[in-house]
Amino acid sequence: MKKFSFRSLLLLIGCIVLPLLVGAVGSVITTASIPVWYSTLTKPWFTPPNWVFAPVWTILYCMMGVSLWLIIKDGFDDDEVKDGAICFAAQLALNFLWSIAFFGLKSPLMGFVVIIILLGLIALTIQRFKRVSKPAAYLLIPYFCWTCCATVLNTAIILLN
């Protein structure tokens, strides 16, 4: 077993902070629209209460960060690692873009388009990560499941409004 170095610890922290920062910036867009726009929408009966989203996303972003770290901790020399990191970056960008589309632009339809592509990118990231580290892939499964639920919610909001 390799020794856990200070460099590895800093990399782990950076990998966790990255998705948390993306989520924090996205939450600024989201939070501003909740009382003004989102609260006026008709939502389905299965909509989670607003307070659920912050802790769930915080946990998911931390898991995403650990997953990324498991992939890149030994460097970028391997093409599989590069492919996985690129997929991770792409899905993280779309994760942020969804907040802009749905809440920033107040467009559930645009949010739906983004989230469908996001689901595909998360699935691709899981597939690519599994080639390098099965635990890294497994850490992304709750994120995929939560995004599936968000897709159903997004779709229901479109249909009800």
C-alpha atoms as a PDB file:
ATOM      1  CA  MET A   1       0.000   0.000   0.000  1.00  0.00           C
ATOM      2  CA  LYS A   2       1.342   3.400  -0.981  1.00  0.00           C
ATOM      3  CA  LYS A   3       2.036   5.929   1.725  1.00  0.00           C
ATOM      4  CA  PHE A   4      -0.449   8.804   1.878  1.00  0.00           C
ATOM      5  CA  SER A   5       1.619  11.936   1.238  1.00  0.00           C
ATOM      6  CA  PHE A   6       1.017  15.599   1.973  1.00  0.00           C
ATOM      7  CA  ARG A   7       0.776  16.173  -1.794  1.00  0.00           C
ATOM      8  CA  SER A   8      -1.927  13.527  -2.010  1.00  0.00           C
ATOM      9  CA  LEU A   9      -3.820  15.155   0.871  1.00  0.00           C
ATOM     10  CA  LEU A  10      -3.681  18.559  -0.842  1.00  0.00           C
ATOM     11  CA  LEU A  11      -4.859  16.976  -4.085  1.00  0.00           C
ATOM     12  CA  LEU A  12      -7.748  15.291  -2.254  1.00  0.00           C
ATOM     13  CA  ILE A  13      -8.771  18.598  -0.680  1.00  0.00           C
ATOM     14  CA  GLY A  14      -8.564  20.326  -4.056  1.00  0.00           C
ATOM     15  CA  CYS A  15     -10.628  17.605  -5.717  1.00  0.00           C
ATOM     16  CA  ILE A  16     -13.340  17.988  -3.069  1.00  0.00           C
ATOM     17  CA  VAL A  17     -13.268  21.792  -3.104  1.00  0.00           C
ATOM     18  CA  LEU A  18     -13.652  21.955  -6.902  1.00  0.00           C
ATOM     19  CA  PRO A  19     -17.189  20.514  -7.112  1.00  0.00           C
ATOM     20  CA  LEU A  20     -18.154  22.279  -3.879  1.00  0.00           C
ATOM     21  CA  LEU A  21     -17.156  25.618  -5.442  1.00  0.00           C
ATOM     22  CA  VAL A  22     -19.077  24.869  -8.616  1.00  0.00           C
ATOM     23  CA  GLY A  23     -22.072  23.960  -6.477  1.00  0.00           C
ATOM     24  CA  ALA A  24     -21.715  27.088  -4.344  1.00  0.00           C
ATOM     25  CA  VAL A  25     -21.685  29.358  -7.388  1.00  0.00           C
ATOM     26  CA  GLY A  26     -24.646  27.470  -8.835  1.00  0.00           C
ATOM     27  CA  SER A  27     -26.520  27.809  -5.548  1.00  0.00           C
ATOM     28  CA  VAL A  28     -26.201  31.603  -5.708  1.00  0.00           C
ATOM     29  CA  ILE A  29     -28.135  31.518  -8.990  1.00  0.00           C
ATOM     30  CA  THR A  30     -30.590  28.992  -7.595  1.00  0.00           C
ATOM     31  CA  THR A  31     -31.211  30.693  -4.259  1.00  0.00           C
ATOM     32  CA  ALA A  32     -31.942  34.054  -5.873  1.00  0.00           C
ATOM     33  CA  SER A  33     -34.733  32.522  -7.994  1.00  0.00           C
ATOM     34  CA  ILE A  34     -36.433  30.408  -5.334  1.00  0.00           C
ATOM     35  CA  PRO A  35     -38.570  33.076  -3.624  1.00  0.00           C
ATOM     36  CA  VAL A  36     -39.202  35.121  -6.766  1.00  0.00           C
ATOM     37  CA  TRP A  37     -39.877  32.467  -9.407  1.00  0.00           C
ATOM     38  CA  TYR A  38     -39.529  28.834  -8.284  1.00  0.00           C
ATOM     39  CA  SER A  39     -42.012  29.279  -5.424  1.00  0.00           C
ATOM     40  CA  THR A  40     -44.665  30.362  -7.956  1.00  0.00           C
ATOM     41  CA  LEU A  41     -44.396  27.165 -10.006  1.00  0.00           C
ATOM     42  CA  THR A  42     -46.796  24.280  -9.642  1.00  0.00           C
ATOM     43  CA  LYS A  43     -44.711  21.356  -8.440  1.00  0.00           C
ATOM     44  CA  PRO A  44     -45.547  17.653  -8.184  1.00  0.00           C
ATOM     45  CA  TRP A  45     -46.456  16.023  -4.889  1.00  0.00           C
ATOM     46  CA  PHE A  46     -43.067  14.284  -4.685  1.00  0.00           C
ATOM     47  CA  THR A  47     -41.028  17.515  -4.662  1.00  0.00           C
ATOM     48  CA  PRO A  48     -38.567  17.385  -1.763  1.00  0.00           C
ATOM     49  CA  PRO A  49     -38.671  20.290   0.683  1.00  0.00           C
ATOM     50  CA  ASN A  50     -36.195  23.058  -0.191  1.00  0.00           C
ATOM     51  CA  TRP A  51     -34.037  22.386   2.892  1.00  0.00           C
ATOM     52  CA  VAL A  52     -33.153  18.892   1.579  1.00  0.00           C
ATOM     53  CA  PHE A  53     -31.227  20.120  -1.458  1.00  0.00           C
ATOM     54  CA  ALA A  54     -28.243  21.812   0.239  1.00  0.00           C
ATOM     55  CA  PRO A  55     -27.167  18.878   2.436  1.00  0.00           C
ATOM     56  CA  VAL A  56     -27.756  16.300  -0.298  1.00  0.00           C
ATOM     57  CA  TRP A  57     -25.766  18.294  -2.869  1.00  0.00           C
ATOM     58  CA  THR A  58     -22.983  18.922  -0.358  1.00  0.00           C
ATOM     59  CA  ILE A  59     -22.616  15.197   0.257  1.00  0.00           C
ATOM     60  CA  LEU A  60     -22.792  14.410  -3.464  1.00  0.00           C
ATOM     61  CA  TYR A  61     -20.187  17.059  -4.337  1.00  0.00           C
ATOM     62  CA  CYS A  62     -17.843  15.652  -1.664  1.00  0.00           C
ATOM     63  CA  MET A  63     -18.326  12.144  -3.049  1.00  0.00           C
ATOM     64  CA  MET A  64     -17.642  13.464  -6.560  1.00  0.00           C
ATOM     65  CA  GLY A  65     -14.429  15.053  -5.313  1.00  0.00           C
ATOM     66  CA  VAL A  66     -13.210  11.857  -3.674  1.00  0.00           C
ATOM     67  CA  SER A  67     -14.094   9.988  -6.850  1.00  0.00           C
ATOM     68  CA  LEU A  68     -12.057  12.397  -8.958  1.00  0.00           C
ATOM     69  CA  TRP A  69      -9.136  12.101  -6.546  1.00  0.00           C
ATOM     70  CA  LEU A  70      -9.170   8.306  -6.816  1.00  0.00           C
ATOM     71  CA  ILE A  71      -8.766   8.714 -10.572  1.00  0.00           C
ATOM     72  CA  ILE A  72      -6.070  11.396 -10.720  1.00  0.00           C
ATOM     73  CA  LYS A  73      -4.045  10.750  -7.556  1.00  0.00           C
ATOM     74  CA  ASP A  74      -1.376   8.803  -9.452  1.00  0.00           C
ATOM     75  CA  GLY A  75      -1.056  11.353 -12.260  1.00  0.00           C
ATOM     76  CA  PHE A  76      -2.322  11.937 -15.775  1.00  0.00           C
ATOM     77  CA  ASP A  77       0.057   9.658 -17.694  1.00  0.00           C
ATOM     78  CA  ASP A  78      -2.638   7.087 -18.444  1.00  0.00           C
ATOM     79  CA  ASP A  79      -5.055   7.869 -21.298  1.00  0.00           C
ATOM     80  CA  GLU A  80      -7.903   6.302 -19.294  1.00  0.00           C
ATOM     81  CA  VAL A  81      -7.252   8.811 -16.506  1.00  0.00           C
ATOM     82  CA  LYS A  82      -7.240  11.699 -18.989  1.00  0.00           C
ATOM     83  CA  ASP A  83     -10.497  10.508 -20.571  1.00  0.00           C
ATOM     84  CA  GLY A  84     -12.119  10.152 -17.153  1.00  0.00           C
ATOM     85  CA  ALA A  85     -10.949  13.589 -16.015  1.00  0.00           C
ATOM     86  CA  ILE A  86     -12.283  15.177 -19.214  1.00  0.00           C
ATOM     87  CA  CYS A  87     -15.657  13.487 -18.747  1.00  0.00           C
ATOM     88  CA  PHE A  88     -15.708  14.606 -15.126  1.00  0.00           C
ATOM     89  CA  ALA A  89     -14.977  18.212 -16.105  1.00  0.00           C
ATOM     90  CA  ALA A  90     -17.670  18.127 -18.797  1.00  0.00           C
ATOM     91  CA  GLN A  91     -20.352  16.776 -16.486  1.00  0.00           C
ATOM     92  CA  LEU A  92     -19.391  19.257 -13.768  1.00  0.00           C
ATOM     93  CA  ALA A  93     -19.724  22.100 -16.273  1.00  0.00           C
ATOM     94  CA  LEU A  94     -23.172  20.826 -17.303  1.00  0.00           C
ATOM     95  CA  ASN A  95     -24.148  20.470 -13.665  1.00  0.00           C
ATOM     96  CA  PHE A  96     -23.446  24.205 -13.310  1.00  0.00           C
ATOM     97  CA  LEU A  97     -25.126  24.994 -16.621  1.00  0.00           C
ATOM     98  CA  TRP A  98     -28.325  23.351 -15.411  1.00  0.00           C
ATOM     99  CA  SER A  99     -28.590  25.913 -12.590  1.00  0.00           C
ATOM    100  CA  ILE A 100     -28.173  28.700 -15.122  1.00  0.00           C
ATOM    101  CA  ALA A 101     -30.720  27.196 -17.532  1.00  0.00           C
ATOM    102  CA  PHE A 102     -33.400  26.225 -15.011  1.00  0.00           C
ATOM    103  CA  PHE A 103     -33.084  28.918 -12.351  1.00  0.00           C
ATOM    104  CA  GLY A 104     -31.042  31.694 -13.981  1.00  0.00           C
ATOM    105  CA  LEU A 105     -32.959  31.734 -17.264  1.00  0.00           C
ATOM    106  CA  LYS A 106     -36.110  30.477 -15.531  1.00  0.00           C
ATOM    107  CA  SER A 107     -36.518  27.857 -18.221  1.00  0.00           C
ATOM    108  CA  PRO A 108     -37.529  24.364 -17.124  1.00  0.00           C
ATOM    109  CA  LEU A 109     -37.467  23.303 -20.785  1.00  0.00           C
ATOM    110  CA  MET A 110     -33.851  24.438 -21.242  1.00  0.00           C
ATOM    111  CA  GLY A 111     -33.064  22.810 -17.899  1.00  0.00           C
ATOM    112  CA  PHE A 112     -34.557  19.569 -19.218  1.00  0.00           C
ATOM    113  CA  VAL A 113     -32.339  19.637 -22.311  1.00  0.00           C
ATOM    114  CA  VAL A 114     -29.252  20.255 -20.157  1.00  0.00           C
ATOM    115  CA  ILE A 115     -30.112  17.602 -17.570  1.00  0.00           C
ATOM    116  CA  ILE A 116     -30.656  14.906 -20.217  1.00  0.00           C
ATOM    117  CA  ILE A 117     -27.184  15.591 -21.604  1.00  0.00           C
ATOM    118  CA  LEU A 118     -25.852  15.730 -18.028  1.00  0.00           C
ATOM    119  CA  LEU A 119     -27.249  12.265 -17.280  1.00  0.00           C
ATOM    120  CA  GLY A 120     -25.432  10.901 -20.316  1.00  0.00           C
ATOM    121  CA  LEU A 121     -22.188  12.539 -19.245  1.00  0.00           C
ATOM    122  CA  ILE A 122     -22.498  11.238 -15.689  1.00  0.00           C
ATOM    123  CA  ALA A 123     -23.065   7.719 -17.058  1.00  0.00           C
ATOM    124  CA  LEU A 124     -20.059   8.122 -19.360  1.00  0.00           C
ATOM    125  CA  THR A 125     -17.955   9.399 -16.455  1.00  0.00           C
ATOM    126  CA  ILE A 126     -18.945   6.384 -14.353  1.00  0.00           C
ATOM    127  CA  GLN A 127     -17.996   4.096 -17.232  1.00  0.00           C
ATOM    128  CA  ARG A 128     -14.623   5.812 -17.732  1.00  0.00           C
ATOM    129  CA  PHE A 129     -13.871   5.955 -14.011  1.00  0.00           C
ATOM    130  CA  LYS A 130     -14.651   2.244 -13.630  1.00  0.00           C
ATOM    131  CA  ARG A 131     -11.789   1.455 -16.027  1.00  0.00           C
ATOM    132  CA  VAL A 132      -9.375   3.121 -13.595  1.00  0.00           C
ATOM    133  CA  SER A 133     -11.005   2.621 -10.184  1.00  0.00           C
ATOM    134  CA  LYS A 134     -14.204   0.772  -9.354  1.00  0.00           C
ATOM    135  CA  PRO A 135     -14.622   2.648  -6.034  1.00  0.00           C
ATOM    136  CA  ALA A 136     -14.370   5.940  -7.951  1.00  0.00           C
ATOM    137  CA  ALA A 137     -17.169   4.799 -10.261  1.00  0.00           C
ATOM    138  CA  TYR A 138     -19.332   3.559  -7.390  1.00  0.00           C
ATOM    139  CA  LEU A 139     -19.013   6.909  -5.601  1.00  0.00           C
ATOM    140  CA  LEU A 140     -20.775   8.568  -8.557  1.00  0.00           C
ATOM    141  CA  ILE A 141     -23.819   6.274  -8.541  1.00  0.00           C
ATOM    142  CA  PRO A 142     -25.747   8.264  -5.873  1.00  0.00           C
ATOM    143  CA  TYR A 143     -25.099  11.413  -7.931  1.00  0.00           C
ATOM    144  CA  PHE A 144     -26.495   9.677 -11.015  1.00  0.00           C
ATOM    145  CA  CYS A 145     -29.560   8.509  -9.059  1.00  0.00           C
ATOM    146  CA  TRP A 146     -30.187  11.965  -7.573  1.00  0.00           C
ATOM    147  CA  THR A 147     -29.882  13.495 -11.047  1.00  0.00           C
ATOM    148  CA  CYS A 148     -32.415  10.953 -12.340  1.00  0.00           C
ATOM    149  CA  CYS A 149     -34.813  12.131  -9.621  1.00  0.00           C
ATOM    150  CA  ALA A 150     -34.073  15.752 -10.565  1.00  0.00           C
ATOM    151  CA  THR A 151     -34.847  14.887 -14.191  1.00  0.00           C
ATOM    152  CA  VAL A 152     -38.238  13.478 -13.214  1.00  0.00           C
ATOM    153  CA  LEU A 153     -38.919  16.583 -11.108  1.00  0.00           C
ATOM    154  CA  ASN A 154     -37.793  18.894 -13.933  1.00  0.00           C
ATOM    155  CA  THR A 155     -40.074  17.029 -16.356  1.00  0.00           C
ATOM    156  CA  ALA A 156     -43.047  17.211 -13.992  1.00  0.00           C
ATOM    157  CA  ILE A 157     -42.554  20.964 -13.576  1.00  0.00           C
ATOM    158  CA  ILE A 158     -42.619  21.376 -17.356  1.00  0.00           C
ATOM    159  CA  LEU A 159     -45.840  19.344 -17.592  1.00  0.00           C
ATOM    160  CA  LEU A 160     -47.549  21.140 -14.702  1.00  0.00           C
ATOM    161  CA  ASN A 161     -46.651  24.632 -15.848  1.00  0.00           C
END
